[in-house]
Every structure is written in structure tokens, then in C-alpha cells.
Amino acid sequence: MADVGQLLKAYAEYRSTFKQTSYDSQNNEYLCYDETQEVLAFDDIVAKKYPVSNERPKSFDAIYIQGNNIFLVEFKNEKKPDKKEIEEKLKDGKEELTAILKALKIPKKGYRFVFCLVYKKYVPKHERYKQGLFKSISYEFLEKYKKDGTVDEIFTEDVDFFTKQFKKNFQKELMC
């Protein structure tokens, strides 16, 4: 039986950083500037497997592995992200990752899968005076994927919160 280290070896050519995987080509902007933490560029792995874009399942941006936790990270830089698209990225991406783990003979048992939706907090000009009391997006609709066992945990937070939690939980500085 292989472990998750085998995944990193098998897909070494897809090693990347949070900076690269958080790039929003539409707005020519990075949501995170950190280049110290290694991730797998999961969108690129799926794109290689499915070269025809209209046949390609949706996928999350990155995989970050810390111990027995496998973080499935999706960066969003939109005022109102499409709920259906986010759900497809979670569901389809997890199915693709499960197939990859199975092909590498890596058992899922013993690993925790955590979906992290990291977004740039959008605060309209007329709401900015509220200083942080404004939360523009609600992601309760994702909870069903925790309940059905697709993932073990779901975090949907803005980039600043993600950065603080990363430091708190892993004692590693993340420059986002």
C-alpha cells in the first residue's frame, strides 16, 4: 500500500505554489502571493488528463498536503461566485482525486479531505464604512458535501482569514 507521498512523486511536474494556483487570469491578479508552501496544481493535472476543455470535469485549483490532511483549495476572485460551479469543482474534483488515489493504490482511509474555498472579500463602496461587518457571500449550500462524506470538513473564508488560520494551525507564515 502506498501513501500520499506517492501522489507527490507521481505528479512532481505539477508542483506549484499558492501564488501560481491563485492566479486570476481574467483580472490579471493573484489572490495569494505565497511561494514558500508547495502545492499540486490540480487544475493542471485534470487539464492534462482531459485535453479537450468541453469534456473536462470541473476541478479545484490546488492540493495542499499537511500530515494526514489533504486540503482541496479553490480560489475565487468574483463578486458573486456561481454556486453550481463551486459545487461542481468540489464534487468533480474530489471524484478525480479519488480516481488518481485509487490508480496509485493509495487508500483514502486515514486521510482527512478538507475543501477550502478562499475568496477575495468583496465589499461594495457604499458598504465599506461597516468595516468587516459585511459578508457578501454565504456558502451553507456546500454543507451537504460534508454530510454525505464527500469531504470531512469545509472552510469558506476570505484570504485574510485563510492566512491567519494557516499560521495558527501549521505554525507557518503564509504571505497572501
C-alpha atoms as a PDB file:
ATOM      1  CA  MET A   1       0.000   0.000   0.000  1.00  0.00           C
ATOM      2  CA  ALA A   2       1.254   3.427  -0.971  1.00  0.00           C
ATOM      3  CA  ASP A   3       0.847   6.644   0.988  1.00  0.00           C
ATOM      4  CA  VAL A   4       0.073  10.188  -0.088  1.00  0.00           C
ATOM      5  CA  GLY A   5       3.803  10.826  -0.659  1.00  0.00           C
ATOM      6  CA  GLN A   6       3.392   8.659  -3.747  1.00  0.00           C
ATOM      7  CA  LEU A   7       0.917  11.214  -5.107  1.00  0.00           C
ATOM      8  CA  LEU A   8       3.527  13.950  -4.742  1.00  0.00           C
ATOM      9  CA  LYS A   9       6.121  11.806  -6.529  1.00  0.00           C
ATOM     10  CA  ALA A  10       3.793  10.736  -9.345  1.00  0.00           C
ATOM     11  CA  TYR A  11       2.731  14.316 -10.042  1.00  0.00           C
ATOM     12  CA  ALA A  12       6.022  16.085  -9.259  1.00  0.00           C
ATOM     13  CA  GLU A  13       5.853  18.012 -12.539  1.00  0.00           C
ATOM     14  CA  TYR A  14       2.715  19.741 -11.195  1.00  0.00           C
ATOM     15  CA  ARG A  15       4.345  21.096  -8.046  1.00  0.00           C
ATOM     16  CA  SER A  16       3.464  24.721  -7.654  1.00  0.00           C
ATOM     17  CA  THR A  17       2.768  27.422  -5.078  1.00  0.00           C
ATOM     18  CA  PHE A  18      -0.271  29.144  -3.656  1.00  0.00           C
ATOM     19  CA  LYS A  19       0.734  32.194  -5.687  1.00  0.00           C
ATOM     20  CA  GLN A  20       0.624  30.379  -9.017  1.00  0.00           C
ATOM     21  CA  THR A  21      -2.564  28.445  -8.253  1.00  0.00           C
ATOM     22  CA  SER A  22      -4.378  31.564  -7.010  1.00  0.00           C
ATOM     23  CA  TYR A  23      -3.823  33.497 -10.242  1.00  0.00           C
ATOM     24  CA  ASP A  24      -6.965  35.002 -11.755  1.00  0.00           C
ATOM     25  CA  SER A  25      -6.194  35.388 -15.460  1.00  0.00           C
ATOM     26  CA  GLN A  26      -9.406  37.339 -16.126  1.00  0.00           C
ATOM     27  CA  ASN A  27      -8.355  40.133 -13.789  1.00  0.00           C
ATOM     28  CA  ASN A  28      -4.591  39.571 -14.030  1.00  0.00           C
ATOM     29  CA  GLU A  29      -4.401  39.270 -10.242  1.00  0.00           C
ATOM     30  CA  TYR A  30      -3.081  36.864  -7.596  1.00  0.00           C
ATOM     31  CA  LEU A  31      -5.216  36.226  -4.533  1.00  0.00           C
ATOM     32  CA  CYS A  32      -2.212  34.916  -2.610  1.00  0.00           C
ATOM     33  CA  TYR A  33       1.453  35.808  -3.077  1.00  0.00           C
ATOM     34  CA  ASP A  34       2.970  32.978  -1.056  1.00  0.00           C
ATOM     35  CA  GLU A  35       5.691  30.974  -2.775  1.00  0.00           C
ATOM     36  CA  THR A  36       7.003  29.174   0.324  1.00  0.00           C
ATOM     37  CA  GLN A  37       4.408  26.385   0.525  1.00  0.00           C
ATOM     38  CA  GLU A  38       4.377  23.628  -2.050  1.00  0.00           C
ATOM     39  CA  VAL A  39       1.070  22.556  -3.551  1.00  0.00           C
ATOM     40  CA  LEU A  40      -0.022  20.470  -6.515  1.00  0.00           C
ATOM     41  CA  ALA A  41      -1.677  22.445  -9.320  1.00  0.00           C
ATOM     42  CA  PHE A  42      -4.746  20.234  -9.533  1.00  0.00           C
ATOM     43  CA  ASP A  43      -6.422  22.180 -12.349  1.00  0.00           C
ATOM     44  CA  ASP A  44      -3.323  21.436 -14.466  1.00  0.00           C
ATOM     45  CA  ILE A  45      -3.413  17.719 -13.590  1.00  0.00           C
ATOM     46  CA  VAL A  46      -7.056  17.493 -14.689  1.00  0.00           C
ATOM     47  CA  ALA A  47      -6.368  19.553 -17.840  1.00  0.00           C
ATOM     48  CA  LYS A  48      -3.587  17.139 -18.843  1.00  0.00           C
ATOM     49  CA  LYS A  49      -5.877  14.136 -18.294  1.00  0.00           C
ATOM     50  CA  TYR A  50      -8.705  15.773 -20.276  1.00  0.00           C
ATOM     51  CA  PRO A  51      -7.095  17.870 -23.050  1.00  0.00           C
ATOM     52  CA  VAL A  52     -10.463  18.735 -24.665  1.00  0.00           C
ATOM     53  CA  SER A  53     -11.805  21.512 -22.467  1.00  0.00           C
ATOM     54  CA  ASN A  54     -15.525  20.867 -23.040  1.00  0.00           C
ATOM     55  CA  GLU A  55     -15.029  17.246 -21.876  1.00  0.00           C
ATOM     56  CA  ARG A  56     -13.048  18.253 -18.794  1.00  0.00           C
ATOM     57  CA  PRO A  57     -14.676  17.926 -15.378  1.00  0.00           C
ATOM     58  CA  LYS A  58     -14.503  20.919 -13.062  1.00  0.00           C
ATOM     59  CA  SER A  59     -11.696  20.890 -10.517  1.00  0.00           C
ATOM     60  CA  PHE A  60     -10.319  22.908  -7.636  1.00  0.00           C
ATOM     61  CA  ASP A  61      -7.093  24.903  -8.024  1.00  0.00           C
ATOM     62  CA  ALA A  62      -4.660  23.208  -5.669  1.00  0.00           C
ATOM     63  CA  ILE A  63      -3.951  20.341  -3.316  1.00  0.00           C
ATOM     64  CA  TYR A  64      -2.014  21.101  -0.154  1.00  0.00           C
ATOM     65  CA  ILE A  65      -0.933  18.158   1.993  1.00  0.00           C
ATOM     66  CA  GLN A  66      -0.126  18.533   5.665  1.00  0.00           C
ATOM     67  CA  GLY A  67       0.230  15.293   7.596  1.00  0.00           C
ATOM     68  CA  ASN A  68      -2.912  13.249   7.077  1.00  0.00           C
ATOM     69  CA  ASN A  69      -4.889  16.309   5.933  1.00  0.00           C
ATOM     70  CA  ILE A  70      -5.429  16.800   2.221  1.00  0.00           C
ATOM     71  CA  PHE A  71      -6.646  20.322   1.508  1.00  0.00           C
ATOM     72  CA  LEU A  72      -8.579  20.875  -1.702  1.00  0.00           C
ATOM     73  CA  VAL A  73      -8.153  24.600  -2.316  1.00  0.00           C
ATOM     74  CA  GLU A  74     -10.248  26.742  -4.634  1.00  0.00           C
ATOM     75  CA  PHE A  75      -9.510  30.458  -5.048  1.00  0.00           C
ATOM     76  CA  LYS A  76     -12.309  32.794  -6.134  1.00  0.00           C
ATOM     77  CA  ASN A  77     -11.987  36.420  -7.161  1.00  0.00           C
ATOM     78  CA  GLU A  78     -15.580  37.273  -8.052  1.00  0.00           C
ATOM     79  CA  LYS A  79     -18.308  39.433  -6.580  1.00  0.00           C
ATOM     80  CA  LYS A  80     -20.878  36.649  -6.751  1.00  0.00           C
ATOM     81  CA  PRO A  81     -19.307  33.246  -7.453  1.00  0.00           C
ATOM     82  CA  ASP A  82     -21.564  30.772  -9.241  1.00  0.00           C
ATOM     83  CA  LYS A  83     -22.883  28.251  -6.700  1.00  0.00           C
ATOM     84  CA  LYS A  84     -23.292  25.497  -9.287  1.00  0.00           C
ATOM     85  CA  GLU A  85     -19.718  25.937 -10.491  1.00  0.00           C
ATOM     86  CA  ILE A  86     -18.340  25.786  -6.938  1.00  0.00           C
ATOM     87  CA  GLU A  87     -20.330  22.629  -6.243  1.00  0.00           C
ATOM     88  CA  GLU A  88     -19.056  21.050  -9.474  1.00  0.00           C
ATOM     89  CA  LYS A  89     -15.464  21.963  -8.619  1.00  0.00           C
ATOM     90  CA  LEU A  90     -15.826  20.286  -5.228  1.00  0.00           C
ATOM     91  CA  LYS A  91     -17.729  17.212  -6.398  1.00  0.00           C
ATOM     92  CA  ASP A  92     -15.979  16.570  -9.745  1.00  0.00           C
ATOM     93  CA  GLY A  93     -12.562  17.476  -8.360  1.00  0.00           C
ATOM     94  CA  LYS A  94     -12.928  15.074  -5.436  1.00  0.00           C
ATOM     95  CA  GLU A  95     -14.034  12.303  -7.828  1.00  0.00           C
ATOM     96  CA  GLU A  96     -10.942  12.899  -9.991  1.00  0.00           C
ATOM     97  CA  LEU A  97      -8.666  12.905  -6.958  1.00  0.00           C
ATOM     98  CA  THR A  98     -10.274   9.681  -5.700  1.00  0.00           C
ATOM     99  CA  ALA A  99      -9.627   8.045  -9.094  1.00  0.00           C
ATOM    100  CA  ILE A 100      -5.984   9.188  -9.007  1.00  0.00           C
ATOM    101  CA  LEU A 101      -5.503   7.857  -5.474  1.00  0.00           C
ATOM    102  CA  LYS A 102      -7.080   4.547  -6.478  1.00  0.00           C
ATOM    103  CA  ALA A 103      -4.805   4.244  -9.539  1.00  0.00           C
ATOM    104  CA  LEU A 104      -1.780   4.873  -7.304  1.00  0.00           C
ATOM    105  CA  LYS A 105      -3.119   2.344  -4.760  1.00  0.00           C
ATOM    106  CA  ILE A 106      -3.297   4.994  -2.051  1.00  0.00           C
ATOM    107  CA  PRO A 107      -6.114   4.200   0.391  1.00  0.00           C
ATOM    108  CA  LYS A 108      -8.356   7.131   1.318  1.00  0.00           C
ATOM    109  CA  LYS A 109      -8.795   5.737   4.799  1.00  0.00           C
ATOM    110  CA  GLY A 110      -6.686   7.580   7.329  1.00  0.00           C
ATOM    111  CA  TYR A 111      -6.761  10.864   5.417  1.00  0.00           C
ATOM    112  CA  ARG A 112      -8.984  13.861   6.054  1.00  0.00           C
ATOM    113  CA  PHE A 113     -10.194  15.734   2.987  1.00  0.00           C
ATOM    114  CA  VAL A 114     -10.793  19.424   3.623  1.00  0.00           C
ATOM    115  CA  PHE A 115     -12.311  21.702   0.983  1.00  0.00           C
ATOM    116  CA  CYS A 116     -11.136  25.308   1.323  1.00  0.00           C
ATOM    117  CA  LEU A 117     -12.913  27.975  -0.670  1.00  0.00           C
ATOM    118  CA  VAL A 118     -10.706  31.048  -0.359  1.00  0.00           C
ATOM    119  CA  TYR A 119     -12.136  34.238  -1.769  1.00  0.00           C
ATOM    120  CA  LYS A 120     -11.249  37.868  -2.070  1.00  0.00           C
ATOM    121  CA  LYS A 121     -13.667  39.678   0.150  1.00  0.00           C
ATOM    122  CA  TYR A 122     -15.732  41.990  -1.982  1.00  0.00           C
ATOM    123  CA  VAL A 123     -17.142  44.982  -0.194  1.00  0.00           C
ATOM    124  CA  PRO A 124     -19.078  47.467  -2.312  1.00  0.00           C
ATOM    125  CA  LYS A 125     -18.100  51.113  -1.867  1.00  0.00           C
ATOM    126  CA  HIS A 126     -21.345  52.002  -0.116  1.00  0.00           C
ATOM    127  CA  GLU A 127     -20.789  49.188   2.454  1.00  0.00           C
ATOM    128  CA  ARG A 128     -17.116  49.831   3.270  1.00  0.00           C
ATOM    129  CA  TYR A 129     -17.885  52.005   6.258  1.00  0.00           C
ATOM    130  CA  LYS A 130     -19.113  48.878   8.092  1.00  0.00           C
ATOM    131  CA  GLN A 131     -15.518  47.663   8.318  1.00  0.00           C
ATOM    132  CA  GLY A 132     -15.760  43.858   8.339  1.00  0.00           C
ATOM    133  CA  LEU A 133     -19.393  43.517   9.337  1.00  0.00           C
ATOM    134  CA  PHE A 134     -20.277  42.937   5.711  1.00  0.00           C
ATOM    135  CA  LYS A 135     -20.001  39.385   4.394  1.00  0.00           C
ATOM    136  CA  SER A 136     -21.059  39.260   0.783  1.00  0.00           C
ATOM    137  CA  ILE A 137     -21.257  35.525   0.217  1.00  0.00           C
ATOM    138  CA  SER A 138     -22.936  32.641   2.014  1.00  0.00           C
ATOM    139  CA  TYR A 139     -21.767  29.070   1.423  1.00  0.00           C
ATOM    140  CA  GLU A 140     -24.091  26.953   3.565  1.00  0.00           C
ATOM    141  CA  PHE A 141     -25.148  25.120   0.391  1.00  0.00           C
ATOM    142  CA  LEU A 142     -21.804  23.252   0.491  1.00  0.00           C
ATOM    143  CA  GLU A 143     -22.557  21.607   3.849  1.00  0.00           C
ATOM    144  CA  LYS A 144     -24.290  18.697   2.126  1.00  0.00           C
ATOM    145  CA  TYR A 145     -20.888  17.540   0.828  1.00  0.00           C
ATOM    146  CA  LYS A 146     -19.658  17.255   4.380  1.00  0.00           C
ATOM    147  CA  LYS A 147     -22.802  15.410   5.448  1.00  0.00           C
ATOM    148  CA  ASP A 148     -22.613  12.915   2.565  1.00  0.00           C
ATOM    149  CA  GLY A 149     -18.915  12.168   3.212  1.00  0.00           C
ATOM    150  CA  THR A 150     -17.500  13.734   0.041  1.00  0.00           C
ATOM    151  CA  VAL A 151     -15.198  15.750   2.314  1.00  0.00           C
ATOM    152  CA  ASP A 152     -14.560  15.738   6.040  1.00  0.00           C
ATOM    153  CA  GLU A 153     -14.519  19.496   6.520  1.00  0.00           C
ATOM    154  CA  ILE A 154     -15.334  22.676   4.594  1.00  0.00           C
ATOM    155  CA  PHE A 155     -13.871  26.129   5.121  1.00  0.00           C
ATOM    156  CA  THR A 156     -15.150  29.131   3.187  1.00  0.00           C
ATOM    157  CA  GLU A 157     -13.261  32.208   4.225  1.00  0.00           C
ATOM    158  CA  ASP A 158     -11.688  35.299   2.792  1.00  0.00           C
ATOM    159  CA  VAL A 159      -7.964  35.426   2.010  1.00  0.00           C
ATOM    160  CA  ASP A 160      -7.047  37.281   5.230  1.00  0.00           C
ATOM    161  CA  PHE A 161      -8.801  34.729   7.425  1.00  0.00           C
ATOM    162  CA  PHE A 162      -7.214  31.860   5.466  1.00  0.00           C
ATOM    163  CA  THR A 163      -3.759  33.359   6.037  1.00  0.00           C
ATOM    164  CA  LYS A 164      -4.306  33.756   9.786  1.00  0.00           C
ATOM    165  CA  GLN A 165      -5.704  30.245  10.180  1.00  0.00           C
ATOM    166  CA  PHE A 166      -2.829  28.775   8.195  1.00  0.00           C
ATOM    167  CA  LYS A 167      -0.339  30.303  10.622  1.00  0.00           C
ATOM    168  CA  LYS A 168      -2.388  29.278  13.659  1.00  0.00           C
ATOM    169  CA  ASN A 169      -2.830  25.665  12.543  1.00  0.00           C
ATOM    170  CA  PHE A 170       0.519  24.941  10.872  1.00  0.00           C
ATOM    171  CA  GLN A 171       2.873  27.438  12.543  1.00  0.00           C
ATOM    172  CA  LYS A 172       3.870  28.532   9.046  1.00  0.00           C
ATOM    173  CA  GLU A 173       3.729  32.055   7.718  1.00  0.00           C
ATOM    174  CA  LEU A 174       1.644  32.386   4.578  1.00  0.00           C
ATOM    175  CA  MET A 175       2.073  35.533   2.511  1.00  0.00           C
ATOM    176  CA  CYS A 176      -1.297  36.261   0.993  1.00  0.00           C
END
